[in-house]
Full PDB file with SEQRES, HELIX, SHEET, SSBOND, CRYST1, ORIGX, SCALE, CONECT and MASTER records, all heavy atoms in Angstrom:
SEQRES   1 A   31  LEU ALA PHE LYS ILE ALA THR ASP PRO PHE VAL GLY ARG          
SEQRES   2 A   31  LEU ALA PHE PHE ARG VAL TYR SER GLY ARG LEU ASP ALA          
SEQRES   3 A   31  GLY SER TYR ILE LEU                                          
SHEET    1 AA1 2 ALA A   2  ASP A   8  0                                        
SHEET    2 AA1 2 GLY A  12  PHE A  17 -1                                        
CRYST1    1.000    1.000    1.000  90.00  90.00  90.00 P 1           1          
ORIGX1      1.000000  0.000000  0.000000        0.00000                         
ORIGX2      0.000000  1.000000  0.000000        0.00000                         
ORIGX3      0.000000  0.000000  1.000000        0.00000                         
SCALE1      1.000000  0.000000  0.000000        0.00000                         
SCALE2      0.000000  1.000000  0.000000        0.00000                         
SCALE3      0.000000  0.000000  1.000000        0.00000                         
ATOM      1  N   LEU A   1     119.078 102.451  97.952  1.00  0.00           N  
ATOM      2  CA  LEU A   1     118.795 101.114  98.428  1.00  0.00           C  
ATOM      3  C   LEU A   1     117.973 101.236  99.657  1.00  0.00           C  
ATOM      4  O   LEU A   1     118.280 101.979 100.581  1.00  0.00           O  
ATOM      5  CB  LEU A   1     120.156 100.463  98.796  1.00  0.00           C  
ATOM      6  CG  LEU A   1     120.049  98.975  99.215  1.00  0.00           C  
ATOM      7  CD1 LEU A   1     119.896  98.096  97.993  1.00  0.00           C  
ATOM      8  CD2 LEU A   1     121.262  98.546 100.007  1.00  0.00           C  
ATOM      9  N   ALA A   2     116.824 100.482  99.650  1.00  0.00           N  
ATOM     10  CA  ALA A   2     115.946 100.431 100.837  1.00  0.00           C  
ATOM     11  C   ALA A   2     116.516  99.458 101.834  1.00  0.00           C  
ATOM     12  O   ALA A   2     116.743  98.247 101.482  1.00  0.00           O  
ATOM     13  CB  ALA A   2     114.562 100.027 100.406  1.00  0.00           C  
ATOM     14  N   PHE A   3     116.875  99.939 103.030  1.00  0.00           N  
ATOM     15  CA  PHE A   3     117.533  98.997 103.994  1.00  0.00           C  
ATOM     16  C   PHE A   3     116.690  98.694 105.228  1.00  0.00           C  
ATOM     17  O   PHE A   3     117.017  97.806 106.016  1.00  0.00           O  
ATOM     18  CB  PHE A   3     118.852  99.548 104.435  1.00  0.00           C  
ATOM     19  CG  PHE A   3     118.847 100.799 105.252  1.00  0.00           C  
ATOM     20  CD1 PHE A   3     118.852 100.766 106.617  1.00  0.00           C  
ATOM     21  CD2 PHE A   3     118.810 102.019 104.639  1.00  0.00           C  
ATOM     22  CE1 PHE A   3     118.823 101.917 107.421  1.00  0.00           C  
ATOM     23  CE2 PHE A   3     118.807 103.226 105.373  1.00  0.00           C  
ATOM     24  CZ  PHE A   3     118.823 103.133 106.785  1.00  0.00           C  
ATOM     25  N   LYS A   4     115.529  99.296 105.333  1.00  0.00           N  
ATOM     26  CA  LYS A   4     114.694  98.975 106.471  1.00  0.00           C  
ATOM     27  C   LYS A   4     113.216  99.418 106.200  1.00  0.00           C  
ATOM     28  O   LYS A   4     113.055 100.557 105.693  1.00  0.00           O  
ATOM     29  CB  LYS A   4     115.252  99.685 107.724  1.00  0.00           C  
ATOM     30  CG  LYS A   4     114.397  99.480 109.019  1.00  0.00           C  
ATOM     31  CD  LYS A   4     115.112 100.199 110.177  1.00  0.00           C  
ATOM     32  CE  LYS A   4     114.192 100.360 111.284  1.00  0.00           C  
ATOM     33  NZ  LYS A   4     114.518  99.628 112.474  1.00  0.00           N  
ATOM     34  N   ILE A   5     112.268  98.636 106.561  1.00  0.00           N  
ATOM     35  CA  ILE A   5     110.867  99.017 106.462  1.00  0.00           C  
ATOM     36  C   ILE A   5     110.294  99.070 107.893  1.00  0.00           C  
ATOM     37  O   ILE A   5     110.532  98.226 108.693  1.00  0.00           O  
ATOM     38  CB  ILE A   5     110.043  97.976 105.678  1.00  0.00           C  
ATOM     39  CG1 ILE A   5     110.780  97.524 104.328  1.00  0.00           C  
ATOM     40  CG2 ILE A   5     108.647  98.450 105.333  1.00  0.00           C  
ATOM     41  CD1 ILE A   5     111.037  98.634 103.366  1.00  0.00           C  
ATOM     42  N   ALA A   6     109.619 100.173 108.154  1.00  0.00           N  
ATOM     43  CA  ALA A   6     109.019 100.311 109.571  1.00  0.00           C  
ATOM     44  C   ALA A   6     107.591 100.737 109.401  1.00  0.00           C  
ATOM     45  O   ALA A   6     107.240 101.485 108.491  1.00  0.00           O  
ATOM     46  CB  ALA A   6     109.843 101.282 110.376  1.00  0.00           C  
ATOM     47  N   THR A   7     106.723 100.350 110.347  1.00  0.00           N  
ATOM     48  CA  THR A   7     105.345 100.831 110.361  1.00  0.00           C  
ATOM     49  C   THR A   7     105.209 101.888 111.394  1.00  0.00           C  
ATOM     50  O   THR A   7     105.526 101.671 112.532  1.00  0.00           O  
ATOM     51  CB  THR A   7     104.388  99.646 110.698  1.00  0.00           C  
ATOM     52  OG1 THR A   7     104.733  98.564 109.781  1.00  0.00           O  
ATOM     53  CG2 THR A   7     102.983 100.038 110.522  1.00  0.00           C  
ATOM     54  N   ASP A   8     104.789 103.063 110.949  1.00  0.00           N  
ATOM     55  CA  ASP A   8     104.596 104.144 111.906  1.00  0.00           C  
ATOM     56  C   ASP A   8     103.127 104.439 112.109  1.00  0.00           C  
ATOM     57  O   ASP A   8     102.366 104.428 111.116  1.00  0.00           O  
ATOM     58  CB  ASP A   8     105.248 105.436 111.328  1.00  0.00           C  
ATOM     59  CG  ASP A   8     105.198 106.597 112.276  1.00  0.00           C  
ATOM     60  OD1 ASP A   8     104.161 107.284 112.359  1.00  0.00           O  
ATOM     61  OD2 ASP A   8     106.173 106.798 113.060  1.00  0.00           O  
ATOM     62  N   PRO A   9     102.608 104.557 113.372  1.00  0.00           N  
ATOM     63  CA  PRO A   9     101.203 104.707 113.573  1.00  0.00           C  
ATOM     64  C   PRO A   9     100.582 105.930 112.860  1.00  0.00           C  
ATOM     65  O   PRO A   9      99.404 105.965 112.580  1.00  0.00           O  
ATOM     66  CB  PRO A   9     100.994 104.790 115.060  1.00  0.00           C  
ATOM     67  CG  PRO A   9     102.380 105.046 115.651  1.00  0.00           C  
ATOM     68  CD  PRO A   9     103.356 104.561 114.653  1.00  0.00           C  
ATOM     69  N   PHE A  10     101.428 106.942 112.643  1.00  0.00           N  
ATOM     70  CA  PHE A  10     100.846 108.215 112.038  1.00  0.00           C  
ATOM     71  C   PHE A  10     100.998 108.363 110.561  1.00  0.00           C  
ATOM     72  O   PHE A  10     100.161 108.772 109.878  1.00  0.00           O  
ATOM     73  CB  PHE A  10     101.538 109.418 112.795  1.00  0.00           C  
ATOM     74  CG  PHE A  10     101.335 109.358 114.291  1.00  0.00           C  
ATOM     75  CD1 PHE A  10     102.368 109.105 115.099  1.00  0.00           C  
ATOM     76  CD2 PHE A  10     100.031 109.579 114.800  1.00  0.00           C  
ATOM     77  CE1 PHE A  10     102.193 109.011 116.492  1.00  0.00           C  
ATOM     78  CE2 PHE A  10      99.881 109.511 116.192  1.00  0.00           C  
ATOM     79  CZ  PHE A  10     100.912 109.193 116.998  1.00  0.00           C  
ATOM     80  N   VAL A  11     102.172 107.881 110.037  1.00  0.00           N  
ATOM     81  CA  VAL A  11     102.423 108.099 108.631  1.00  0.00           C  
ATOM     82  C   VAL A  11     102.324 106.801 107.818  1.00  0.00           C  
ATOM     83  O   VAL A  11     102.338 106.864 106.536  1.00  0.00           O  
ATOM     84  CB  VAL A  11     103.808 108.779 108.322  1.00  0.00           C  
ATOM     85  CG1 VAL A  11     103.826 110.155 108.870  1.00  0.00           C  
ATOM     86  CG2 VAL A  11     104.905 107.907 108.809  1.00  0.00           C  
ATOM     87  N   GLY A  12     102.109 105.659 108.457  1.00  0.00           N  
ATOM     88  CA  GLY A  12     101.978 104.361 107.735  1.00  0.00           C  
ATOM     89  C   GLY A  12     103.323 103.752 107.479  1.00  0.00           C  
ATOM     90  O   GLY A  12     104.220 103.837 108.342  1.00  0.00           O  
ATOM     91  N   ARG A  13     103.475 103.144 106.327  1.00  0.00           N  
ATOM     92  CA  ARG A  13     104.676 102.334 106.113  1.00  0.00           C  
ATOM     93  C   ARG A  13     105.851 103.225 105.630  1.00  0.00           C  
ATOM     94  O   ARG A  13     105.737 103.961 104.583  1.00  0.00           O  
ATOM     95  CB  ARG A  13     104.404 101.332 105.010  1.00  0.00           C  
ATOM     96  CG  ARG A  13     105.546 100.358 104.796  1.00  0.00           C  
ATOM     97  CD  ARG A  13     105.096  99.133 104.168  1.00  0.00           C  
ATOM     98  NE  ARG A  13     104.370  99.389 102.900  1.00  0.00           N  
ATOM     99  CZ  ARG A  13     104.163  98.468 101.934  1.00  0.00           C  
ATOM    100  NH1 ARG A  13     104.577  97.240 102.179  1.00  0.00           N  
ATOM    101  NH2 ARG A  13     103.491  98.744 100.890  1.00  0.00           N  
ATOM    102  N   LEU A  14     106.957 103.228 106.388  1.00  0.00           N  
ATOM    103  CA  LEU A  14     108.104 104.080 106.115  1.00  0.00           C  
ATOM    104  C   LEU A  14     109.173 103.175 105.530  1.00  0.00           C  
ATOM    105  O   LEU A  14     109.516 102.107 106.088  1.00  0.00           O  
ATOM    106  CB  LEU A  14     108.638 104.673 107.385  1.00  0.00           C  
ATOM    107  CG  LEU A  14     108.165 105.987 107.958  1.00  0.00           C  
ATOM    108  CD1 LEU A  14     108.707 106.190 109.304  1.00  0.00           C  
ATOM    109  CD2 LEU A  14     108.607 107.133 107.030  1.00  0.00           C  
ATOM    110  N   ALA A  15     109.827 103.592 104.444  1.00  0.00           N  
ATOM    111  CA  ALA A  15     110.964 102.847 103.930  1.00  0.00           C  
ATOM    112  C   ALA A  15     112.199 103.716 104.103  1.00  0.00           C  
ATOM    113  O   ALA A  15     112.280 104.838 103.574  1.00  0.00           O  
ATOM    114  CB  ALA A  15     110.755 102.565 102.428  1.00  0.00           C  
ATOM    115  N   PHE A  16     113.114 103.217 104.910  1.00  0.00           N  
ATOM    116  CA  PHE A  16     114.385 103.916 105.089  1.00  0.00           C  
ATOM    117  C   PHE A  16     115.307 103.577 103.927  1.00  0.00           C  
ATOM    118  O   PHE A  16     115.379 102.452 103.540  1.00  0.00           O  
ATOM    119  CB  PHE A  16     115.089 103.417 106.367  1.00  0.00           C  
ATOM    120  CG  PHE A  16     114.431 103.859 107.644  1.00  0.00           C  
ATOM    121  CD1 PHE A  16     113.216 103.332 108.010  1.00  0.00           C  
ATOM    122  CD2 PHE A  16     115.074 104.775 108.454  1.00  0.00           C  
ATOM    123  CE1 PHE A  16     112.611 103.749 109.248  1.00  0.00           C  
ATOM    124  CE2 PHE A  16     114.477 105.239 109.640  1.00  0.00           C  
ATOM    125  CZ  PHE A  16     113.252 104.711 110.030  1.00  0.00           C  
ATOM    126  N   PHE A  17     115.953 104.592 103.363  1.00  0.00           N  
ATOM    127  CA  PHE A  17     116.839 104.306 102.223  1.00  0.00           C  
ATOM    128  C   PHE A  17     118.064 105.177 102.231  1.00  0.00           C  
ATOM    129  O   PHE A  17     118.052 106.302 102.806  1.00  0.00           O  
ATOM    130  CB  PHE A  17     116.070 104.507 100.923  1.00  0.00           C  
ATOM    131  CG  PHE A  17     115.521 105.825 100.658  1.00  0.00           C  
ATOM    132  CD1 PHE A  17     116.221 106.726  99.851  1.00  0.00           C  
ATOM    133  CD2 PHE A  17     114.283 106.204 101.131  1.00  0.00           C  
ATOM    134  CE1 PHE A  17     115.693 108.017  99.677  1.00  0.00           C  
ATOM    135  CE2 PHE A  17     113.712 107.457 100.941  1.00  0.00           C  
ATOM    136  CZ  PHE A  17     114.472 108.394 100.207  1.00  0.00           C  
ATOM    137  N   ARG A  18     119.106 104.671 101.564  1.00  0.00           N  
ATOM    138  CA  ARG A  18     120.381 105.482 101.391  1.00  0.00           C  
ATOM    139  C   ARG A  18     120.441 105.809  99.938  1.00  0.00           C  
ATOM    140  O   ARG A  18     120.362 104.980  99.032  1.00  0.00           O  
ATOM    141  CB  ARG A  18     121.557 104.607 101.827  1.00  0.00           C  
ATOM    142  CG  ARG A  18     122.885 104.974 101.170  1.00  0.00           C  
ATOM    143  CD  ARG A  18     123.542 106.145 101.955  1.00  0.00           C  
ATOM    144  NE  ARG A  18     124.685 106.668 101.213  1.00  0.00           N  
ATOM    145  CZ  ARG A  18     125.897 106.389 101.478  1.00  0.00           C  
ATOM    146  NH1 ARG A  18     126.242 105.590 102.480  1.00  0.00           N  
ATOM    147  NH2 ARG A  18     126.926 106.964 100.778  1.00  0.00           N  
ATOM    148  N   VAL A  19     120.656 107.127  99.673  1.00  0.00           N  
ATOM    149  CA  VAL A  19     120.767 107.586  98.266  1.00  0.00           C  
ATOM    150  C   VAL A  19     122.272 107.561  97.892  1.00  0.00           C  
ATOM    151  O   VAL A  19     123.071 108.113  98.580  1.00  0.00           O  
ATOM    152  CB  VAL A  19     120.179 109.005  98.146  1.00  0.00           C  
ATOM    153  CG1 VAL A  19     120.292 109.428  96.650  1.00  0.00           C  
ATOM    154  CG2 VAL A  19     118.796 109.193  98.701  1.00  0.00           C  
ATOM    155  N   TYR A  20     122.549 106.815  96.809  1.00  0.00           N  
ATOM    156  CA  TYR A  20     123.940 106.725  96.338  1.00  0.00           C  
ATOM    157  C   TYR A  20     124.254 107.726  95.271  1.00  0.00           C  
ATOM    158  O   TYR A  20     125.385 108.173  95.118  1.00  0.00           O  
ATOM    159  CB  TYR A  20     124.230 105.320  95.860  1.00  0.00           C  
ATOM    160  CG  TYR A  20     124.383 104.339  97.001  1.00  0.00           C  
ATOM    161  CD1 TYR A  20     123.329 103.523  97.399  1.00  0.00           C  
ATOM    162  CD2 TYR A  20     125.506 104.266  97.817  1.00  0.00           C  
ATOM    163  CE1 TYR A  20     123.406 102.641  98.482  1.00  0.00           C  
ATOM    164  CE2 TYR A  20     125.686 103.403  98.851  1.00  0.00           C  
ATOM    165  CZ  TYR A  20     124.575 102.600  99.200  1.00  0.00           C  
ATOM    166  OH  TYR A  20     124.675 101.737 100.299  1.00  0.00           O  
ATOM    167  N   SER A  21     123.246 108.062  94.440  1.00  0.00           N  
ATOM    168  CA  SER A  21     123.499 109.051  93.394  1.00  0.00           C  
ATOM    169  C   SER A  21     122.229 109.768  92.988  1.00  0.00           C  
ATOM    170  O   SER A  21     121.112 109.259  93.286  1.00  0.00           O  
ATOM    171  CB  SER A  21     124.075 108.326  92.119  1.00  0.00           C  
ATOM    172  OG  SER A  21     123.095 107.415  91.689  1.00  0.00           O  
ATOM    173  N   GLY A  22     122.360 110.979  92.450  1.00  0.00           N  
ATOM    174  CA  GLY A  22     121.186 111.649  91.930  1.00  0.00           C  
ATOM    175  C   GLY A  22     120.417 112.394  93.055  1.00  0.00           C  
ATOM    176  O   GLY A  22     120.899 112.607  94.111  1.00  0.00           O  
ATOM    177  N   ARG A  23     119.209 112.752  92.673  1.00  0.00           N  
ATOM    178  CA  ARG A  23     118.318 113.482  93.544  1.00  0.00           C  
ATOM    179  C   ARG A  23     116.893 112.995  93.458  1.00  0.00           C  
ATOM    180  O   ARG A  23     116.487 112.615  92.375  1.00  0.00           O  
ATOM    181  CB  ARG A  23     118.408 114.977  93.233  1.00  0.00           C  
ATOM    182  CG  ARG A  23     117.394 115.859  93.814  1.00  0.00           C  
ATOM    183  CD  ARG A  23     117.516 117.309  93.337  1.00  0.00           C  
ATOM    184  NE  ARG A  23     116.273 118.057  93.628  1.00  0.00           N  
ATOM    185  CZ  ARG A  23     116.229 119.271  94.131  1.00  0.00           C  
ATOM    186  NH1 ARG A  23     117.352 119.904  94.370  1.00  0.00           N  
ATOM    187  NH2 ARG A  23     115.124 119.834  94.358  1.00  0.00           N  
ATOM    188  N   LEU A  24     116.187 113.001  94.566  1.00  0.00           N  
ATOM    189  CA  LEU A  24     114.758 112.617  94.572  1.00  0.00           C  
ATOM    190  C   LEU A  24     113.952 113.665  95.125  1.00  0.00           C  
ATOM    191  O   LEU A  24     114.188 114.140  96.246  1.00  0.00           O  
ATOM    192  CB  LEU A  24     114.618 111.278  95.332  1.00  0.00           C  
ATOM    193  CG  LEU A  24     113.207 110.767  95.485  1.00  0.00           C  
ATOM    194  CD1 LEU A  24     112.692 110.259  94.140  1.00  0.00           C  
ATOM    195  CD2 LEU A  24     113.113 109.608  96.537  1.00  0.00           C  
ATOM    196  N   ASP A  25     112.883 114.111  94.441  1.00  0.00           N  
ATOM    197  CA  ASP A  25     111.997 115.143  94.948  1.00  0.00           C  
ATOM    198  C   ASP A  25     110.741 114.468  95.457  1.00  0.00           C  
ATOM    199  O   ASP A  25     110.279 113.445  94.890  1.00  0.00           O  
ATOM    200  CB  ASP A  25     111.612 116.113  93.817  1.00  0.00           C  
ATOM    201  CG  ASP A  25     112.802 116.989  93.399  1.00  0.00           C  
ATOM    202  OD1 ASP A  25     113.226 117.789  94.211  1.00  0.00           O  
ATOM    203  OD2 ASP A  25     113.284 116.762  92.274  1.00  0.00           O  
ATOM    204  N   ALA A  26     110.130 115.000  96.497  1.00  0.00           N  
ATOM    205  CA  ALA A  26     108.894 114.496  97.024  1.00  0.00           C  
ATOM    206  C   ALA A  26     107.824 114.626  95.946  1.00  0.00           C  
ATOM    207  O   ALA A  26     107.763 115.609  95.222  1.00  0.00           O  
ATOM    208  CB  ALA A  26     108.499 115.247  98.288  1.00  0.00           C  
ATOM    209  N   GLY A  27     106.994 113.573  95.788  1.00  0.00           N  
ATOM    210  CA  GLY A  27     105.971 113.627  94.739  1.00  0.00           C  
ATOM    211  C   GLY A  27     106.405 113.066  93.388  1.00  0.00           C  
ATOM    212  O   GLY A  27     105.604 112.952  92.489  1.00  0.00           O  
ATOM    213  N   SER A  28     107.724 112.687  93.272  1.00  0.00           N  
ATOM    214  CA  SER A  28     108.174 112.169  91.994  1.00  0.00           C  
ATOM    215  C   SER A  28     108.115 110.676  91.979  1.00  0.00           C  
ATOM    216  O   SER A  28     107.781 110.009  92.971  1.00  0.00           O  
ATOM    217  CB  SER A  28     109.601 112.605  91.665  1.00  0.00           C  
ATOM    218  OG  SER A  28     110.469 112.222  92.692  1.00  0.00           O  
ATOM    219  N   TYR A  29     108.365 110.070  90.801  1.00  0.00           N  
ATOM    220  CA  TYR A  29     108.288 108.637  90.565  1.00  0.00           C  
ATOM    221  C   TYR A  29     109.653 107.979  90.536  1.00  0.00           C  
ATOM    222  O   TYR A  29     110.600 108.578  90.074  1.00  0.00           O  
ATOM    223  CB  TYR A  29     107.545 108.323  89.226  1.00  0.00           C  
ATOM    224  CG  TYR A  29     106.057 108.570  89.305  1.00  0.00           C  
ATOM    225  CD1 TYR A  29     105.525 109.830  89.052  1.00  0.00           C  
ATOM    226  CD2 TYR A  29     105.224 107.532  89.639  1.00  0.00           C  
ATOM    227  CE1 TYR A  29     104.191 110.040  89.096  1.00  0.00           C  
ATOM    228  CE2 TYR A  29     103.822 107.739  89.783  1.00  0.00           C  
ATOM    229  CZ  TYR A  29     103.309 109.010  89.516  1.00  0.00           C  
ATOM    230  OH  TYR A  29     101.962 109.201  89.569  1.00  0.00           O  
ATOM    231  N   ILE A  30     109.693 106.760  91.056  1.00  0.00           N  
ATOM    232  CA  ILE A  30     110.940 105.968  90.923  1.00  0.00           C  
ATOM    233  C   ILE A  30     110.574 104.573  90.410  1.00  0.00           C  
ATOM    234  O   ILE A  30     109.408 104.212  90.374  1.00  0.00           O  
ATOM    235  CB  ILE A  30     111.688 105.849  92.267  1.00  0.00           C  
ATOM    236  CG1 ILE A  30     110.747 105.240  93.375  1.00  0.00           C  
ATOM    237  CG2 ILE A  30     112.220 107.148  92.742  1.00  0.00           C  
ATOM    238  CD1 ILE A  30     110.981 103.821  93.807  1.00  0.00           C  
ATOM    239  N   LEU A  31     111.565 103.834  90.046  1.00  0.00           N  
ATOM    240  CA  LEU A  31     111.394 102.428  89.603  1.00  0.00           C  
ATOM    241  C   LEU A  31     111.867 101.489  90.699  1.00  0.00           C  
ATOM    242  O   LEU A  31     113.032 101.693  91.128  1.00  0.00           O  
ATOM    243  CB  LEU A  31     112.148 102.220  88.259  1.00  0.00           C  
ATOM    244  CG  LEU A  31     112.159 100.798  87.784  1.00  0.00           C  
ATOM    245  CD1 LEU A  31     110.793 100.384  87.222  1.00  0.00           C  
ATOM    246  CD2 LEU A  31     113.249 100.609  86.672  1.00  0.00           C  
TER     247      LEU A  31                                                      
MASTER        0    0    0    0    2    0    0    6  246    1    0    3          
END                                                                             
């Protein structure tokens, strides 16, 4: 669940999220 969106001057738009199940690898796709 994405619970916060923040704009960072260096990396752009950051989405803070809490993972409830499974695993996410950098570079992969989500829905």
